[in-house]
Amino acid sequence: MQQGRKERLASLLSGLAMAVLLGTLIGIPFWLLGLFRVIRISGYWRAVDYMRRGRMLIVANHPSLIETFFIPLVFWPWAMFRLRMFPWSLPDKNLFKGFSPEHHERLRCIRVGRDDTLESRKLNWSAMKRVMELFERQQCFVAHLEGGRTSKQAEQVSVGPNKMGKIRNAQILKAAWKKGAWIMPLHVKMTDDMKRDLPGFGESLRRLLFSPKCWPIRLEFRRPYKIVGQRFDEEAEKRRLELAILTPEVPA
């Protein structure tokens, strides 16, 4: 028991240190982009309120620039006072290849596999076990689900002008259902100039900083919901989430 407490304390302290470090190096510039309306956020205070409660899963469509470890920066100021508001992310296993499991833990990242290999299946099983443990501790997550690429997937789903790839894997939705977590859809919307020619990360960053015709990037936090019932219907929940991400909210 004492060993478990020591591990949780170490995780808490390293997470707080990383929240401070990332906030200083990346969070402040990220917020300056918001101040100058390069990045525009709707539904922000609703998201902050649910993050404060804990046990929440933010699920976004996946354009090329926005990776899951960037979205927590939106909540950086609040993470200084309550670490659960620095949500865990689930990046692809290939994103930080040179990092050790300890490095991922400090970054509050849990690696997942996007392909159908034995390695990925084992990795995803371990990741979902960790997610369930952290949900028990009222932690929050942000994720892109496999198949949800905005422009690279062959199978697309659309609502008006908004589109994304059809979601193929919903393991984390099942974990949220089991633990009674809130699910908050997030729609990331970019201009056509920003998405043109599927730019890599470096080119995307250059456009974000120096090309006004690529502005703004919009982060639209939708109304959250819970999955209820005695049975988890994976196909129905995938379709429900796709529509929740893509459907614009009607002003109250």
C-alpha atoms as a PDB file:
ATOM      1  CA  MET A   1       0.000   0.000   0.000  1.00  0.00           C
ATOM      2  CA  GLN A   2       2.816   2.396   0.884  1.00  0.00           C
ATOM      3  CA  GLN A   3       4.501   1.632  -2.428  1.00  0.00           C
ATOM      4  CA  GLY A   4       1.278   2.519  -4.259  1.00  0.00           C
ATOM      5  CA  ARG A   5       1.024   5.805  -2.364  1.00  0.00           C
ATOM      6  CA  LYS A   6       4.626   6.642  -3.202  1.00  0.00           C
ATOM      7  CA  GLU A   7       3.996   5.932  -6.890  1.00  0.00           C
ATOM      8  CA  ARG A   8       0.868   8.126  -6.920  1.00  0.00           C
ATOM      9  CA  LEU A   9       2.751  10.932  -5.145  1.00  0.00           C
ATOM     10  CA  ALA A  10       5.637  10.669  -7.614  1.00  0.00           C
ATOM     11  CA  SER A  11       3.176  10.778 -10.510  1.00  0.00           C
ATOM     12  CA  LEU A  12       1.434  13.802  -8.988  1.00  0.00           C
ATOM     13  CA  LEU A  13       4.669  15.730  -8.449  1.00  0.00           C
ATOM     14  CA  SER A  14       6.068  14.931 -11.897  1.00  0.00           C
ATOM     15  CA  GLY A  15       2.746  15.856 -13.498  1.00  0.00           C
ATOM     16  CA  LEU A  16       2.670  19.187 -11.655  1.00  0.00           C
ATOM     17  CA  ALA A  17       6.259  19.911 -12.651  1.00  0.00           C
ATOM     18  CA  MET A  18       5.469  19.117 -16.276  1.00  0.00           C
ATOM     19  CA  ALA A  19       2.324  21.276 -16.192  1.00  0.00           C
ATOM     20  CA  VAL A  20       4.435  24.209 -14.982  1.00  0.00           C
ATOM     21  CA  LEU A  21       7.175  23.523 -17.551  1.00  0.00           C
ATOM     22  CA  LEU A  22       4.827  23.045 -20.498  1.00  0.00           C
ATOM     23  CA  GLY A  23       2.799  26.034 -19.412  1.00  0.00           C
ATOM     24  CA  THR A  24       5.882  28.239 -19.366  1.00  0.00           C
ATOM     25  CA  LEU A  25       7.383  27.026 -22.641  1.00  0.00           C
ATOM     26  CA  ILE A  26       4.268  26.320 -24.717  1.00  0.00           C
ATOM     27  CA  GLY A  27       1.161  27.298 -22.774  1.00  0.00           C
ATOM     28  CA  ILE A  28       1.898  31.028 -22.667  1.00  0.00           C
ATOM     29  CA  PRO A  29       2.550  31.273 -26.451  1.00  0.00           C
ATOM     30  CA  PHE A  30      -0.570  29.144 -27.029  1.00  0.00           C
ATOM     31  CA  TRP A  31      -2.643  31.568 -24.959  1.00  0.00           C
ATOM     32  CA  LEU A  32      -1.138  34.554 -26.789  1.00  0.00           C
ATOM     33  CA  LEU A  33      -2.385  33.028 -30.047  1.00  0.00           C
ATOM     34  CA  GLY A  34      -5.829  32.943 -28.442  1.00  0.00           C
ATOM     35  CA  LEU A  35      -5.501  36.539 -27.296  1.00  0.00           C
ATOM     36  CA  PHE A  36      -4.768  37.637 -30.862  1.00  0.00           C
ATOM     37  CA  ARG A  37      -7.670  35.512 -32.149  1.00  0.00           C
ATOM     38  CA  VAL A  38      -5.444  33.147 -34.132  1.00  0.00           C
ATOM     39  CA  ILE A  39      -7.005  30.342 -32.082  1.00  0.00           C
ATOM     40  CA  ARG A  40     -10.667  30.809 -31.147  1.00  0.00           C
ATOM     41  CA  ILE A  41     -12.424  28.712 -28.537  1.00  0.00           C
ATOM     42  CA  SER A  42     -16.143  28.264 -27.957  1.00  0.00           C
ATOM     43  CA  GLY A  43     -17.698  26.399 -25.039  1.00  0.00           C
ATOM     44  CA  TYR A  44     -14.551  27.038 -22.994  1.00  0.00           C
ATOM     45  CA  TRP A  45     -16.091  27.790 -19.599  1.00  0.00           C
ATOM     46  CA  ARG A  46     -18.372  24.783 -19.907  1.00  0.00           C
ATOM     47  CA  ALA A  47     -15.274  22.624 -20.498  1.00  0.00           C
ATOM     48  CA  VAL A  48     -13.509  24.199 -17.509  1.00  0.00           C
ATOM     49  CA  ASP A  49     -16.516  23.489 -15.288  1.00  0.00           C
ATOM     50  CA  TYR A  50     -16.637  19.796 -16.229  1.00  0.00           C
ATOM     51  CA  MET A  51     -12.861  19.455 -15.935  1.00  0.00           C
ATOM     52  CA  ARG A  52     -13.129  20.741 -12.365  1.00  0.00           C
ATOM     53  CA  ARG A  53     -15.555  17.915 -11.568  1.00  0.00           C
ATOM     54  CA  GLY A  54     -13.126  15.317 -12.907  1.00  0.00           C
ATOM     55  CA  ARG A  55     -13.628  12.002 -14.708  1.00  0.00           C
ATOM     56  CA  MET A  56     -14.157  13.512 -18.136  1.00  0.00           C
ATOM     57  CA  LEU A  57     -13.116  12.406 -21.615  1.00  0.00           C
ATOM     58  CA  ILE A  58     -12.678  14.995 -24.369  1.00  0.00           C
ATOM     59  CA  VAL A  59     -12.805  13.407 -27.836  1.00  0.00           C
ATOM     60  CA  ALA A  60     -11.849  15.409 -30.927  1.00  0.00           C
ATOM     61  CA  ASN A  61     -11.653  14.950 -34.664  1.00  0.00           C
ATOM     62  CA  HIS A  62      -8.051  14.769 -35.847  1.00  0.00           C
ATOM     63  CA  PRO A  63      -6.707  17.372 -38.280  1.00  0.00           C
ATOM     64  CA  SER A  64      -2.990  17.195 -39.034  1.00  0.00           C
ATOM     65  CA  LEU A  65      -1.682  19.920 -36.701  1.00  0.00           C
ATOM     66  CA  ILE A  66      -3.634  19.392 -33.495  1.00  0.00           C
ATOM     67  CA  GLU A  67      -2.344  16.407 -31.501  1.00  0.00           C
ATOM     68  CA  THR A  68      -3.848  15.361 -28.195  1.00  0.00           C
ATOM     69  CA  PHE A  69      -0.970  16.694 -26.100  1.00  0.00           C
ATOM     70  CA  PHE A  70      -1.620  20.259 -27.373  1.00  0.00           C
ATOM     71  CA  ILE A  71      -5.267  20.431 -26.300  1.00  0.00           C
ATOM     72  CA  PRO A  72      -4.485  20.248 -22.530  1.00  0.00           C
ATOM     73  CA  LEU A  73      -2.652  23.567 -22.911  1.00  0.00           C
ATOM     74  CA  VAL A  74      -6.076  25.213 -23.170  1.00  0.00           C
ATOM     75  CA  PHE A  75      -6.533  24.401 -19.472  1.00  0.00           C
ATOM     76  CA  TRP A  76      -2.974  25.218 -18.419  1.00  0.00           C
ATOM     77  CA  PRO A  77      -3.710  28.124 -15.996  1.00  0.00           C
ATOM     78  CA  TRP A  78      -6.181  26.000 -14.006  1.00  0.00           C
ATOM     79  CA  ALA A  79      -3.772  23.051 -13.840  1.00  0.00           C
ATOM     80  CA  MET A  80      -1.527  25.190 -11.646  1.00  0.00           C
ATOM     81  CA  PHE A  81      -4.163  24.892  -8.905  1.00  0.00           C
ATOM     82  CA  ARG A  82      -5.756  21.497  -9.651  1.00  0.00           C
ATOM     83  CA  LEU A  83      -3.684  18.952 -11.546  1.00  0.00           C
ATOM     84  CA  ARG A  84      -6.684  16.970 -12.824  1.00  0.00           C
ATOM     85  CA  MET A  85      -7.271  19.960 -15.115  1.00  0.00           C
ATOM     86  CA  PHE A  86      -4.089  19.034 -16.972  1.00  0.00           C
ATOM     87  CA  PRO A  87      -5.727  16.078 -18.765  1.00  0.00           C
ATOM     88  CA  TRP A  88      -3.933  12.923 -19.827  1.00  0.00           C
ATOM     89  CA  SER A  89      -3.602  12.372 -23.568  1.00  0.00           C
ATOM     90  CA  LEU A  90      -3.387   9.241 -25.718  1.00  0.00           C
ATOM     91  CA  PRO A  91      -0.884   9.896 -28.529  1.00  0.00           C
ATOM     92  CA  ASP A  92       0.116   7.395 -31.198  1.00  0.00           C
ATOM     93  CA  LYS A  93       2.970   5.070 -30.224  1.00  0.00           C
ATOM     94  CA  ASN A  94       5.071   6.460 -33.111  1.00  0.00           C
ATOM     95  CA  LEU A  95       4.874  10.074 -31.941  1.00  0.00           C
ATOM     96  CA  PHE A  96       7.521   9.907 -29.186  1.00  0.00           C
ATOM     97  CA  LYS A  97       9.557   6.876 -30.216  1.00  0.00           C
ATOM     98  CA  GLY A  98      12.657   7.792 -28.236  1.00  0.00           C
ATOM     99  CA  PHE A  99      10.824   8.367 -24.969  1.00  0.00           C
ATOM    100  CA  SER A 100      10.777   5.853 -22.121  1.00  0.00           C
ATOM    101  CA  PRO A 101       7.564   4.906 -20.244  1.00  0.00           C
ATOM    102  CA  GLU A 102       8.730   7.195 -17.431  1.00  0.00           C
ATOM    103  CA  HIS A 103       8.979  10.122 -19.853  1.00  0.00           C
ATOM    104  CA  HIS A 104       5.464   9.439 -21.121  1.00  0.00           C
ATOM    105  CA  GLU A 105       4.170   9.357 -17.537  1.00  0.00           C
ATOM    106  CA  ARG A 106       5.734  12.751 -16.801  1.00  0.00           C
ATOM    107  CA  LEU A 107       4.121  14.171 -19.930  1.00  0.00           C
ATOM    108  CA  ARG A 108       0.805  12.629 -18.817  1.00  0.00           C
ATOM    109  CA  CYS A 109       0.705  10.599 -22.032  1.00  0.00           C
ATOM    110  CA  ILE A 110      -0.475   7.009 -22.487  1.00  0.00           C
ATOM    111  CA  ARG A 111       0.679   5.570 -25.808  1.00  0.00           C
ATOM    112  CA  VAL A 112      -1.767   3.695 -28.026  1.00  0.00           C
ATOM    113  CA  GLY A 113      -1.375   1.787 -31.286  1.00  0.00           C
ATOM    114  CA  ARG A 114      -3.341   2.764 -34.393  1.00  0.00           C
ATOM    115  CA  ASP A 115      -2.543  -0.330 -36.494  1.00  0.00           C
ATOM    116  CA  ASP A 116      -3.811  -3.899 -36.257  1.00  0.00           C
ATOM    117  CA  THR A 117      -0.619  -5.568 -35.032  1.00  0.00           C
ATOM    118  CA  LEU A 118      -0.037  -7.775 -32.009  1.00  0.00           C
ATOM    119  CA  GLU A 119       2.182  -5.071 -30.509  1.00  0.00           C
ATOM    120  CA  SER A 120      -0.601  -2.486 -30.817  1.00  0.00           C
ATOM    121  CA  ARG A 121      -3.231  -4.818 -29.380  1.00  0.00           C
ATOM    122  CA  LYS A 122      -1.044  -5.479 -26.328  1.00  0.00           C
ATOM    123  CA  LEU A 123      -0.255  -1.780 -25.987  1.00  0.00           C
ATOM    124  CA  ASN A 124      -3.933  -0.816 -26.210  1.00  0.00           C
ATOM    125  CA  TRP A 125      -4.947  -3.416 -23.628  1.00  0.00           C
ATOM    126  CA  SER A 126      -2.369  -1.987 -21.224  1.00  0.00           C
ATOM    127  CA  ALA A 127      -3.439   1.585 -22.065  1.00  0.00           C
ATOM    128  CA  MET A 128      -7.122   0.899 -21.346  1.00  0.00           C
ATOM    129  CA  LYS A 129      -6.211  -0.715 -18.027  1.00  0.00           C
ATOM    130  CA  ARG A 130      -4.305   2.452 -17.108  1.00  0.00           C
ATOM    131  CA  VAL A 131      -7.191   4.651 -18.282  1.00  0.00           C
ATOM    132  CA  MET A 132      -9.611   2.764 -16.013  1.00  0.00           C
ATOM    133  CA  GLU A 133      -7.262   3.231 -13.041  1.00  0.00           C
ATOM    134  CA  LEU A 134      -7.002   6.961 -13.692  1.00  0.00           C
ATOM    135  CA  PHE A 135     -10.762   7.371 -14.144  1.00  0.00           C
ATOM    136  CA  GLU A 136     -11.085   5.874 -10.659  1.00  0.00           C
ATOM    137  CA  ARG A 137      -8.892   8.739  -9.432  1.00  0.00           C
ATOM    138  CA  GLN A 138     -11.152  11.356 -11.089  1.00  0.00           C
ATOM    139  CA  GLN A 139      -8.592  12.122 -13.818  1.00  0.00           C
ATOM    140  CA  CYS A 140      -9.510  13.556 -17.228  1.00  0.00           C
ATOM    141  CA  PHE A 141      -8.435  12.619 -20.754  1.00  0.00           C
ATOM    142  CA  VAL A 142      -8.288  14.006 -24.261  1.00  0.00           C
ATOM    143  CA  ALA A 143      -8.194  11.633 -27.227  1.00  0.00           C
ATOM    144  CA  HIS A 144      -8.497  11.222 -30.979  1.00  0.00           C
ATOM    145  CA  LEU A 145     -10.185   7.924 -31.820  1.00  0.00           C
ATOM    146  CA  GLU A 146      -8.739   5.668 -34.515  1.00  0.00           C
ATOM    147  CA  GLY A 147     -10.305   6.464 -37.871  1.00  0.00           C
ATOM    148  CA  GLY A 148     -11.237  10.040 -36.977  1.00  0.00           C
ATOM    149  CA  ARG A 149      -8.702  11.738 -39.234  1.00  0.00           C
ATOM    150  CA  THR A 150     -10.341  14.742 -40.866  1.00  0.00           C
ATOM    151  CA  SER A 151      -8.766  14.386 -44.303  1.00  0.00           C
ATOM    152  CA  LYS A 152      -6.797  11.117 -44.580  1.00  0.00           C
ATOM    153  CA  GLN A 153      -9.529   8.502 -44.108  1.00  0.00           C
ATOM    154  CA  ALA A 154     -11.264   6.958 -47.108  1.00  0.00           C
ATOM    155  CA  GLU A 155     -14.575   6.535 -45.251  1.00  0.00           C
ATOM    156  CA  GLN A 156     -15.959   9.908 -44.225  1.00  0.00           C
ATOM    157  CA  VAL A 157     -18.974  11.116 -42.289  1.00  0.00           C
ATOM    158  CA  SER A 158     -20.220  14.685 -42.639  1.00  0.00           C
ATOM    159  CA  VAL A 159     -22.721  17.136 -41.197  1.00  0.00           C
ATOM    160  CA  GLY A 160     -23.031  20.157 -43.476  1.00  0.00           C
ATOM    161  CA  PRO A 161     -19.502  21.422 -44.250  1.00  0.00           C
ATOM    162  CA  ASN A 162     -17.969  19.564 -41.294  1.00  0.00           C
ATOM    163  CA  LYS A 163     -16.478  16.140 -41.950  1.00  0.00           C
ATOM    164  CA  MET A 164     -14.190  13.542 -40.385  1.00  0.00           C
ATOM    165  CA  GLY A 165     -13.168   9.932 -40.899  1.00  0.00           C
ATOM    166  CA  LYS A 166     -15.478   7.223 -39.570  1.00  0.00           C
ATOM    167  CA  ILE A 167     -14.398   6.120 -36.097  1.00  0.00           C
ATOM    168  CA  ARG A 168     -13.153   2.522 -36.092  1.00  0.00           C
ATOM    169  CA  ASN A 169     -12.117   1.911 -32.477  1.00  0.00           C
ATOM    170  CA  ALA A 170     -14.133   2.877 -29.403  1.00  0.00           C
ATOM    171  CA  GLN A 171     -12.302   1.151 -26.547  1.00  0.00           C
ATOM    172  CA  ILE A 172     -11.945   4.327 -24.529  1.00  0.00           C
ATOM    173  CA  LEU A 173     -15.669   5.055 -24.907  1.00  0.00           C
ATOM    174  CA  LYS A 174     -16.310   1.676 -23.308  1.00  0.00           C
ATOM    175  CA  ALA A 175     -13.950   2.596 -20.464  1.00  0.00           C
ATOM    176  CA  ALA A 176     -15.848   5.882 -20.003  1.00  0.00           C
ATOM    177  CA  TRP A 177     -19.151   3.970 -19.924  1.00  0.00           C
ATOM    178  CA  LYS A 178     -17.868   1.533 -17.309  1.00  0.00           C
ATOM    179  CA  LYS A 179     -16.598   4.326 -15.058  1.00  0.00           C
ATOM    180  CA  GLY A 180     -19.495   6.752 -15.550  1.00  0.00           C
ATOM    181  CA  ALA A 181     -17.282   9.426 -17.118  1.00  0.00           C
ATOM    182  CA  TRP A 182     -18.587  12.442 -19.002  1.00  0.00           C
ATOM    183  CA  ILE A 183     -17.783  12.561 -22.724  1.00  0.00           C
ATOM    184  CA  MET A 184     -17.265  16.006 -24.238  1.00  0.00           C
ATOM    185  CA  PRO A 185     -17.064  16.149 -28.067  1.00  0.00           C
ATOM    186  CA  LEU A 186     -14.575  18.674 -29.453  1.00  0.00           C
ATOM    187  CA  HIS A 187     -14.640  19.887 -33.033  1.00  0.00           C
ATOM    188  CA  VAL A 188     -11.325  21.250 -34.336  1.00  0.00           C
ATOM    189  CA  LYS A 189     -11.964  23.383 -37.400  1.00  0.00           C
ATOM    190  CA  MET A 190      -9.289  24.747 -39.744  1.00  0.00           C
ATOM    191  CA  THR A 191      -9.392  26.931 -42.836  1.00  0.00           C
ATOM    192  CA  ASP A 192      -8.889  25.388 -46.267  1.00  0.00           C
ATOM    193  CA  ASP A 193      -5.548  27.190 -46.596  1.00  0.00           C
ATOM    194  CA  MET A 194      -4.359  25.639 -43.347  1.00  0.00           C
ATOM    195  CA  LYS A 195      -5.300  22.118 -44.464  1.00  0.00           C
ATOM    196  CA  ARG A 196      -4.009  22.457 -48.039  1.00  0.00           C
ATOM    197  CA  ASP A 197      -1.598  19.715 -49.243  1.00  0.00           C
ATOM    198  CA  LEU A 198      -1.707  17.898 -45.858  1.00  0.00           C
ATOM    199  CA  PRO A 199       1.241  19.813 -44.352  1.00  0.00           C
ATOM    200  CA  GLY A 200       3.596  18.237 -41.845  1.00  0.00           C
ATOM    201  CA  PHE A 201       3.974  19.575 -38.338  1.00  0.00           C
ATOM    202  CA  GLY A 202       6.722  22.093 -39.194  1.00  0.00           C
ATOM    203  CA  GLU A 203       4.847  23.588 -42.143  1.00  0.00           C
ATOM    204  CA  SER A 204       1.595  23.631 -40.148  1.00  0.00           C
ATOM    205  CA  LEU A 205       3.327  25.561 -37.365  1.00  0.00           C
ATOM    206  CA  ARG A 206       4.772  28.050 -39.875  1.00  0.00           C
ATOM    207  CA  ARG A 207       1.308  28.656 -41.336  1.00  0.00           C
ATOM    208  CA  LEU A 208      -0.192  29.044 -37.873  1.00  0.00           C
ATOM    209  CA  LEU A 209       2.340  31.685 -36.835  1.00  0.00           C
ATOM    210  CA  PHE A 210       2.978  33.631 -40.044  1.00  0.00           C
ATOM    211  CA  SER A 211       0.094  33.162 -42.512  1.00  0.00           C
ATOM    212  CA  PRO A 212      -3.044  35.210 -41.689  1.00  0.00           C
ATOM    213  CA  LYS A 213      -5.037  33.505 -44.457  1.00  0.00           C
ATOM    214  CA  CYS A 214      -4.738  30.295 -42.408  1.00  0.00           C
ATOM    215  CA  TRP A 215      -6.380  31.898 -39.384  1.00  0.00           C
ATOM    216  CA  PRO A 216      -8.313  31.196 -37.248  1.00  0.00           C
ATOM    217  CA  ILE A 217      -8.201  27.669 -35.877  1.00  0.00           C
ATOM    218  CA  ARG A 218     -11.422  27.005 -33.977  1.00  0.00           C
ATOM    219  CA  LEU A 219     -11.808  24.704 -30.979  1.00  0.00           C
ATOM    220  CA  GLU A 220     -15.512  24.088 -30.379  1.00  0.00           C
ATOM    221  CA  PHE A 221     -16.312  22.254 -27.136  1.00  0.00           C
ATOM    222  CA  ARG A 222     -19.754  20.641 -27.468  1.00  0.00           C
ATOM    223  CA  ARG A 223     -22.253  19.689 -24.758  1.00  0.00           C
ATOM    224  CA  PRO A 224     -21.076  16.649 -22.773  1.00  0.00           C
ATOM    225  CA  TYR A 225     -23.047  13.463 -22.263  1.00  0.00           C
ATOM    226  CA  LYS A 226     -22.813  10.126 -20.462  1.00  0.00           C
ATOM    227  CA  ILE A 227     -23.317   6.672 -21.908  1.00  0.00           C
ATOM    228  CA  VAL A 228     -26.009   4.975 -19.833  1.00  0.00           C
ATOM    229  CA  GLY A 229     -27.604   1.559 -19.890  1.00  0.00           C
ATOM    230  CA  GLN A 230     -26.724  -2.013 -19.057  1.00  0.00           C
ATOM    231  CA  ARG A 231     -25.150  -2.758 -22.444  1.00  0.00           C
ATOM    232  CA  PHE A 232     -22.502  -0.943 -24.456  1.00  0.00           C
ATOM    233  CA  ASP A 233     -23.430  -0.745 -28.146  1.00  0.00           C
ATOM    234  CA  GLU A 234     -20.130   0.116 -29.825  1.00  0.00           C
ATOM    235  CA  GLU A 235     -21.438   0.911 -33.312  1.00  0.00           C
ATOM    236  CA  ALA A 236     -24.238   3.110 -31.992  1.00  0.00           C
ATOM    237  CA  GLU A 237     -21.861   5.004 -29.699  1.00  0.00           C
ATOM    238  CA  LYS A 238     -19.341   5.601 -32.481  1.00  0.00           C
ATOM    239  CA  ARG A 239     -22.034   7.070 -34.705  1.00  0.00           C
ATOM    240  CA  ARG A 240     -23.433   9.129 -31.797  1.00  0.00           C
ATOM    241  CA  LEU A 241     -19.999  10.614 -31.108  1.00  0.00           C
ATOM    242  CA  GLU A 242     -19.316  11.430 -34.759  1.00  0.00           C
ATOM    243  CA  LEU A 243     -22.565  13.375 -34.991  1.00  0.00           C
ATOM    244  CA  ALA A 244     -21.896  15.107 -31.656  1.00  0.00           C
ATOM    245  CA  ILE A 245     -18.467  16.268 -32.850  1.00  0.00           C
ATOM    246  CA  LEU A 246     -19.647  17.470 -36.254  1.00  0.00           C
ATOM    247  CA  THR A 247     -23.046  19.022 -35.482  1.00  0.00           C
ATOM    248  CA  PRO A 248     -22.844  22.772 -34.713  1.00  0.00           C
ATOM    249  CA  GLU A 249     -24.608  23.820 -31.541  1.00  0.00           C
ATOM    250  CA  VAL A 250     -27.736  25.909 -31.796  1.00  0.00           C
ATOM    251  CA  PRO A 251     -27.362  29.081 -29.687  1.00  0.00           C
ATOM    252  CA  ALA A 252     -29.533  29.016 -26.583  1.00  0.00           C
END
